Amino acid sequence: MISTMRPDLDHQNEYVRNTTARAFAIVASALGIPALLPFLRAVCRSKKSWHARHTGVKIGLVECIGENLNDEQPKVRMVTALALAALAEAASPYGIESFKELLNIS
């Protein structure tokens, strides 16, 4: 499943990337996050394509996407901030521990 969707992660068309992000999120919930986490980390850290990083951020997960707040592409930074905001809102008030690394909370 992952190998089939992989080419669409850095597709030029944002609609295709958005649809791929949603499909990956469904696969993650079906397979379990641990199964997809190594792949998602690699996508979010892609050096070859900012489109892939952009799509990886849309898939989610605070730990994987946090460092994309400092990405050189404004679109990647923006979608990262929006994704983190949505994750924080969904986790409130119990999920602040997930954001400790990003917020430098000890």
N, C-alpha and C. Protein backbone atom coordinates (compact mmCIF):
# COMPACT_ATOMS: atom_id res chain seq x y z
N MET A 1 0.82 -1.19 0.00
CA MET A 1 0.00 0.00 0.00
C MET A 1 0.86 1.26 0.00
N ILE A 2 1.86 1.28 0.88
CA ILE A 2 2.74 2.43 0.98
C ILE A 2 3.51 2.64 -0.31
N SER A 3 4.06 1.56 -0.87
CA SER A 3 4.84 1.68 -2.10
C SER A 3 3.97 2.15 -3.27
N THR A 4 2.70 1.82 -3.26
CA THR A 4 1.79 2.25 -4.32
C THR A 4 1.53 3.75 -4.24
N MET A 5 1.40 4.28 -3.03
CA MET A 5 1.10 5.69 -2.85
C MET A 5 2.34 6.58 -2.84
N ARG A 6 3.52 6.00 -2.69
CA ARG A 6 4.75 6.76 -2.56
C ARG A 6 4.97 7.82 -3.65
N PRO A 7 4.78 7.51 -4.93
CA PRO A 7 5.02 8.52 -5.97
C PRO A 7 4.14 9.77 -5.84
N ASP A 8 2.97 9.62 -5.23
CA ASP A 8 2.05 10.75 -5.10
C ASP A 8 2.40 11.69 -3.95
N LEU A 9 3.34 11.30 -3.11
CA LEU A 9 3.74 12.17 -2.00
C LEU A 9 4.38 13.46 -2.47
N ASP A 10 5.11 13.41 -3.57
CA ASP A 10 5.74 14.63 -4.07
C ASP A 10 5.22 15.03 -5.45
N HIS A 11 3.96 14.69 -5.70
CA HIS A 11 3.30 15.06 -6.95
C HIS A 11 3.20 16.58 -7.03
N GLN A 12 3.28 17.14 -8.22
CA GLN A 12 3.21 18.58 -8.41
C GLN A 12 1.84 19.17 -8.03
N ASN A 13 0.80 18.39 -8.22
CA ASN A 13 -0.57 18.84 -7.94
C ASN A 13 -0.87 18.71 -6.45
N GLU A 14 -1.21 19.83 -5.81
CA GLU A 14 -1.47 19.81 -4.37
C GLU A 14 -2.71 18.98 -4.03
N TYR A 15 -3.69 18.93 -4.89
CA TYR A 15 -4.88 18.11 -4.65
C TYR A 15 -4.49 16.64 -4.52
N VAL A 16 -3.61 16.18 -5.39
CA VAL A 16 -3.15 14.78 -5.35
C VAL A 16 -2.41 14.54 -4.02
N ARG A 17 -1.55 15.49 -3.63
CA ARG A 17 -0.81 15.33 -2.37
C ARG A 17 -1.75 15.33 -1.17
N ASN A 18 -2.78 16.18 -1.18
CA ASN A 18 -3.75 16.21 -0.07
C ASN A 18 -4.50 14.88 0.03
N THR A 19 -4.92 14.35 -1.11
CA THR A 19 -5.62 13.07 -1.12
C THR A 19 -4.71 11.95 -0.62
N THR A 20 -3.44 12.00 -1.03
CA THR A 20 -2.47 11.01 -0.59
C THR A 20 -2.26 11.10 0.93
N ALA A 21 -2.19 12.31 1.46
CA ALA A 21 -2.02 12.50 2.90
C ALA A 21 -3.19 11.87 3.66
N ARG A 22 -4.40 12.09 3.16
CA ARG A 22 -5.58 11.50 3.81
C ARG A 22 -5.55 9.97 3.75
N ALA A 23 -5.14 9.46 2.60
CA ALA A 23 -5.05 8.00 2.45
C ALA A 23 -4.00 7.41 3.39
N PHE A 24 -2.85 8.09 3.52
CA PHE A 24 -1.83 7.62 4.45
C PHE A 24 -2.32 7.64 5.88
N ALA A 25 -3.08 8.66 6.24
CA ALA A 25 -3.64 8.72 7.60
C ALA A 25 -4.56 7.53 7.87
N ILE A 26 -5.32 7.13 6.87
CA ILE A 26 -6.21 5.97 7.01
C ILE A 26 -5.38 4.70 7.14
N VAL A 27 -4.33 4.58 6.32
CA VAL A 27 -3.45 3.41 6.42
C VAL A 27 -2.80 3.36 7.80
N ALA A 28 -2.38 4.51 8.30
CA ALA A 28 -1.75 4.56 9.63
C ALA A 28 -2.70 4.09 10.71
N SER A 29 -3.96 4.48 10.62
CA SER A 29 -4.91 4.05 11.64
C SER A 29 -5.22 2.56 11.50
N ALA A 30 -5.17 2.04 10.28
CA ALA A 30 -5.44 0.61 10.07
C ALA A 30 -4.25 -0.25 10.49
N LEU A 31 -3.04 0.15 10.10
CA LEU A 31 -1.85 -0.64 10.42
C LEU A 31 -1.29 -0.35 11.80
N GLY A 32 -1.64 0.80 12.32
CA GLY A 32 -1.08 1.25 13.57
C GLY A 32 0.06 2.23 13.29
N ILE A 33 0.13 3.24 14.10
CA ILE A 33 1.13 4.30 13.92
C ILE A 33 2.56 3.74 13.92
N PRO A 34 2.92 2.81 14.82
CA PRO A 34 4.30 2.32 14.82
C PRO A 34 4.75 1.73 13.48
N ALA A 35 3.84 1.13 12.74
CA ALA A 35 4.20 0.54 11.45
C ALA A 35 4.54 1.61 10.41
N LEU A 36 3.92 2.76 10.51
CA LEU A 36 4.11 3.81 9.52
C LEU A 36 5.13 4.86 9.95
N LEU A 37 5.46 4.90 11.23
CA LEU A 37 6.33 5.95 11.77
C LEU A 37 7.69 6.07 11.09
N PRO A 38 8.44 4.99 10.85
CA PRO A 38 9.73 5.16 10.16
C PRO A 38 9.58 5.77 8.77
N PHE A 39 8.57 5.35 8.05
CA PHE A 39 8.33 5.90 6.72
C PHE A 39 7.95 7.37 6.80
N LEU A 40 7.08 7.72 7.74
CA LEU A 40 6.65 9.10 7.89
C LEU A 40 7.80 10.01 8.28
N ARG A 41 8.67 9.53 9.16
CA ARG A 41 9.86 10.32 9.53
C ARG A 41 10.72 10.60 8.31
N ALA A 42 10.93 9.59 7.48
CA ALA A 42 11.74 9.75 6.27
C ALA A 42 11.11 10.74 5.31
N VAL A 43 9.81 10.70 5.15
CA VAL A 43 9.11 11.62 4.26
C VAL A 43 9.24 13.06 4.77
N CYS A 44 9.06 13.26 6.05
CA CYS A 44 9.13 14.61 6.63
C CYS A 44 10.55 15.18 6.58
N ARG A 45 11.53 14.34 6.41
CA ARG A 45 12.93 14.79 6.36
C ARG A 45 13.52 14.70 4.95
N SER A 46 12.68 14.52 3.96
CA SER A 46 13.14 14.39 2.58
C SER A 46 13.97 15.60 2.16
N LYS A 47 15.14 15.33 1.62
CA LYS A 47 16.00 16.40 1.11
C LYS A 47 15.72 16.66 -0.37
N LYS A 48 15.11 15.70 -1.03
CA LYS A 48 14.90 15.79 -2.48
C LYS A 48 13.67 16.63 -2.85
N SER A 49 12.65 16.62 -2.02
CA SER A 49 11.40 17.24 -2.44
C SER A 49 10.69 17.94 -1.29
N TRP A 50 10.47 19.24 -1.43
CA TRP A 50 9.68 19.94 -0.43
C TRP A 50 8.23 19.52 -0.52
N HIS A 51 7.80 19.05 -1.71
CA HIS A 51 6.43 18.55 -1.85
C HIS A 51 6.21 17.33 -0.95
N ALA A 52 7.21 16.46 -0.87
CA ALA A 52 7.09 15.28 -0.01
C ALA A 52 7.02 15.70 1.46
N ARG A 53 7.88 16.66 1.87
CA ARG A 53 7.83 17.14 3.26
C ARG A 53 6.47 17.76 3.56
N HIS A 54 5.95 18.52 2.62
CA HIS A 54 4.65 19.18 2.76
C HIS A 54 3.56 18.14 2.99
N THR A 55 3.59 17.07 2.20
CA THR A 55 2.60 16.00 2.33
C THR A 55 2.79 15.24 3.64
N GLY A 56 4.05 14.98 4.01
CA GLY A 56 4.33 14.28 5.26
C GLY A 56 3.78 15.01 6.46
N VAL A 57 3.89 16.32 6.44
CA VAL A 57 3.36 17.13 7.53
C VAL A 57 1.85 16.98 7.61
N LYS A 58 1.21 16.94 6.47
CA LYS A 58 -0.25 16.81 6.46
C LYS A 58 -0.70 15.46 7.02
N ILE A 59 0.15 14.47 6.95
CA ILE A 59 -0.22 13.16 7.50
C ILE A 59 -0.28 13.25 9.02
N GLY A 60 0.60 14.03 9.62
CA GLY A 60 0.48 14.32 11.05
C GLY A 60 1.61 13.85 11.91
N LEU A 61 1.41 13.84 13.19
CA LEU A 61 2.28 13.38 14.24
C LEU A 61 3.32 14.42 14.68
N VAL A 62 3.16 14.92 15.85
CA VAL A 62 3.98 15.99 16.40
C VAL A 62 5.47 15.70 16.31
N GLU A 63 5.89 14.55 16.77
CA GLU A 63 7.31 14.20 16.80
C GLU A 63 7.95 14.26 15.42
N CYS A 64 7.21 13.80 14.44
CA CYS A 64 7.76 13.75 13.08
C CYS A 64 7.77 15.11 12.40
N ILE A 65 6.79 15.93 12.66
CA ILE A 65 6.66 17.17 11.90
C ILE A 65 7.27 18.38 12.56
N GLY A 66 7.60 18.30 13.84
CA GLY A 66 8.08 19.46 14.58
C GLY A 66 9.22 20.21 13.94
N GLU A 67 10.21 19.49 13.44
CA GLU A 67 11.36 20.18 12.87
C GLU A 67 11.06 20.87 11.55
N ASN A 68 9.90 20.59 10.97
CA ASN A 68 9.51 21.27 9.73
C ASN A 68 9.07 22.72 9.99
N LEU A 69 8.99 23.13 11.26
CA LEU A 69 8.72 24.53 11.56
C LEU A 69 9.86 25.42 11.10
N ASN A 70 11.03 24.84 10.91
CA ASN A 70 12.21 25.58 10.47
C ASN A 70 12.58 25.30 9.01
N ASP A 71 11.65 24.75 8.24
CA ASP A 71 11.91 24.42 6.85
C ASP A 71 12.15 25.68 6.02
N GLU A 72 12.92 25.55 4.94
CA GLU A 72 13.21 26.72 4.10
C GLU A 72 12.02 27.14 3.25
N GLN A 73 11.07 26.24 3.03
CA GLN A 73 9.89 26.55 2.22
C GLN A 73 8.77 27.10 3.10
N PRO A 74 8.29 28.32 2.82
CA PRO A 74 7.21 28.90 3.62
C PRO A 74 5.95 28.04 3.67
N LYS A 75 5.61 27.38 2.56
CA LYS A 75 4.40 26.53 2.56
C LYS A 75 4.54 25.36 3.53
N VAL A 76 5.74 24.79 3.62
CA VAL A 76 5.96 23.68 4.56
C VAL A 76 5.86 24.18 5.99
N ARG A 77 6.47 25.34 6.28
CA ARG A 77 6.39 25.91 7.63
C ARG A 77 4.94 26.21 8.01
N MET A 78 4.19 26.78 7.06
CA MET A 78 2.81 27.15 7.34
C MET A 78 1.95 25.92 7.62
N VAL A 79 2.05 24.91 6.76
CA VAL A 79 1.22 23.72 6.96
C VAL A 79 1.63 22.99 8.25
N THR A 80 2.93 23.08 8.62
CA THR A 80 3.39 22.48 9.87
C THR A 80 2.75 23.18 11.06
N ALA A 81 2.76 24.50 11.04
CA ALA A 81 2.15 25.26 12.13
C ALA A 81 0.66 24.97 12.24
N LEU A 82 -0.02 24.90 11.10
CA LEU A 82 -1.45 24.59 11.11
C LEU A 82 -1.72 23.18 11.63
N ALA A 83 -0.90 22.23 11.20
CA ALA A 83 -1.07 20.85 11.66
C ALA A 83 -0.82 20.74 13.16
N LEU A 84 0.21 21.41 13.65
CA LEU A 84 0.50 21.38 15.09
C LEU A 84 -0.62 22.04 15.88
N ALA A 85 -1.15 23.13 15.35
CA ALA A 85 -2.27 23.80 16.03
C ALA A 85 -3.49 22.88 16.11
N ALA A 86 -3.78 22.19 15.01
CA ALA A 86 -4.91 21.26 15.00
C ALA A 86 -4.68 20.10 15.95
N LEU A 87 -3.45 19.57 15.97
CA LEU A 87 -3.13 18.48 16.90
C LEU A 87 -3.23 18.94 18.35
N ALA A 88 -2.75 20.16 18.62
CA ALA A 88 -2.83 20.70 19.99
C ALA A 88 -4.27 20.90 20.42
N GLU A 89 -5.08 21.42 19.52
CA GLU A 89 -6.49 21.62 19.85
C GLU A 89 -7.20 20.29 20.11
N ALA A 90 -6.87 19.29 19.30
CA ALA A 90 -7.49 17.97 19.48
C ALA A 90 -7.02 17.31 20.77
N ALA A 91 -5.78 17.57 21.18
CA ALA A 91 -5.22 16.94 22.36
C ALA A 91 -5.58 17.66 23.65
N SER A 92 -6.03 18.89 23.54
CA SER A 92 -6.32 19.72 24.72
C SER A 92 -7.44 19.10 25.55
N PRO A 93 -7.34 19.15 26.84
CA PRO A 93 -6.27 19.68 27.68
C PRO A 93 -5.28 18.61 28.13
N TYR A 94 -5.39 17.40 27.61
CA TYR A 94 -4.61 16.29 28.15
C TYR A 94 -3.33 15.95 27.40
N GLY A 95 -3.12 16.46 26.21
CA GLY A 95 -2.02 16.01 25.39
C GLY A 95 -0.78 16.89 25.34
N ILE A 96 -0.63 17.81 26.28
CA ILE A 96 0.49 18.75 26.23
C ILE A 96 1.85 18.05 26.27
N GLU A 97 1.91 16.86 26.84
CA GLU A 97 3.18 16.12 26.92
C GLU A 97 3.75 15.87 25.53
N SER A 98 2.90 15.70 24.56
CA SER A 98 3.35 15.43 23.19
C SER A 98 4.09 16.62 22.59
N PHE A 99 3.85 17.80 23.13
CA PHE A 99 4.42 19.03 22.57
C PHE A 99 5.63 19.55 23.37
N LYS A 100 6.03 18.83 24.41
CA LYS A 100 7.13 19.28 25.28
C LYS A 100 8.39 19.60 24.50
N GLU A 101 8.76 18.73 23.59
CA GLU A 101 10.00 18.94 22.82
C GLU A 101 9.94 20.22 21.99
N LEU A 102 8.79 20.49 21.39
CA LEU A 102 8.65 21.69 20.58
C LEU A 102 8.59 22.96 21.41
N LEU A 103 8.01 22.85 22.59
CA LEU A 103 7.83 24.02 23.46
C LEU A 103 8.96 24.22 24.44
N ASN A 104 9.95 23.32 24.42
CA ASN A 104 11.07 23.37 25.35
C ASN A 104 10.62 23.39 26.81
N ILE A 105 9.64 22.53 27.10
CA ILE A 105 9.12 22.40 28.46
C ILE A 105 9.85 21.25 29.13
N SER A 106 10.34 21.46 30.34
CA SER A 106 11.02 20.37 31.04
C SER A 106 10.07 19.65 31.96
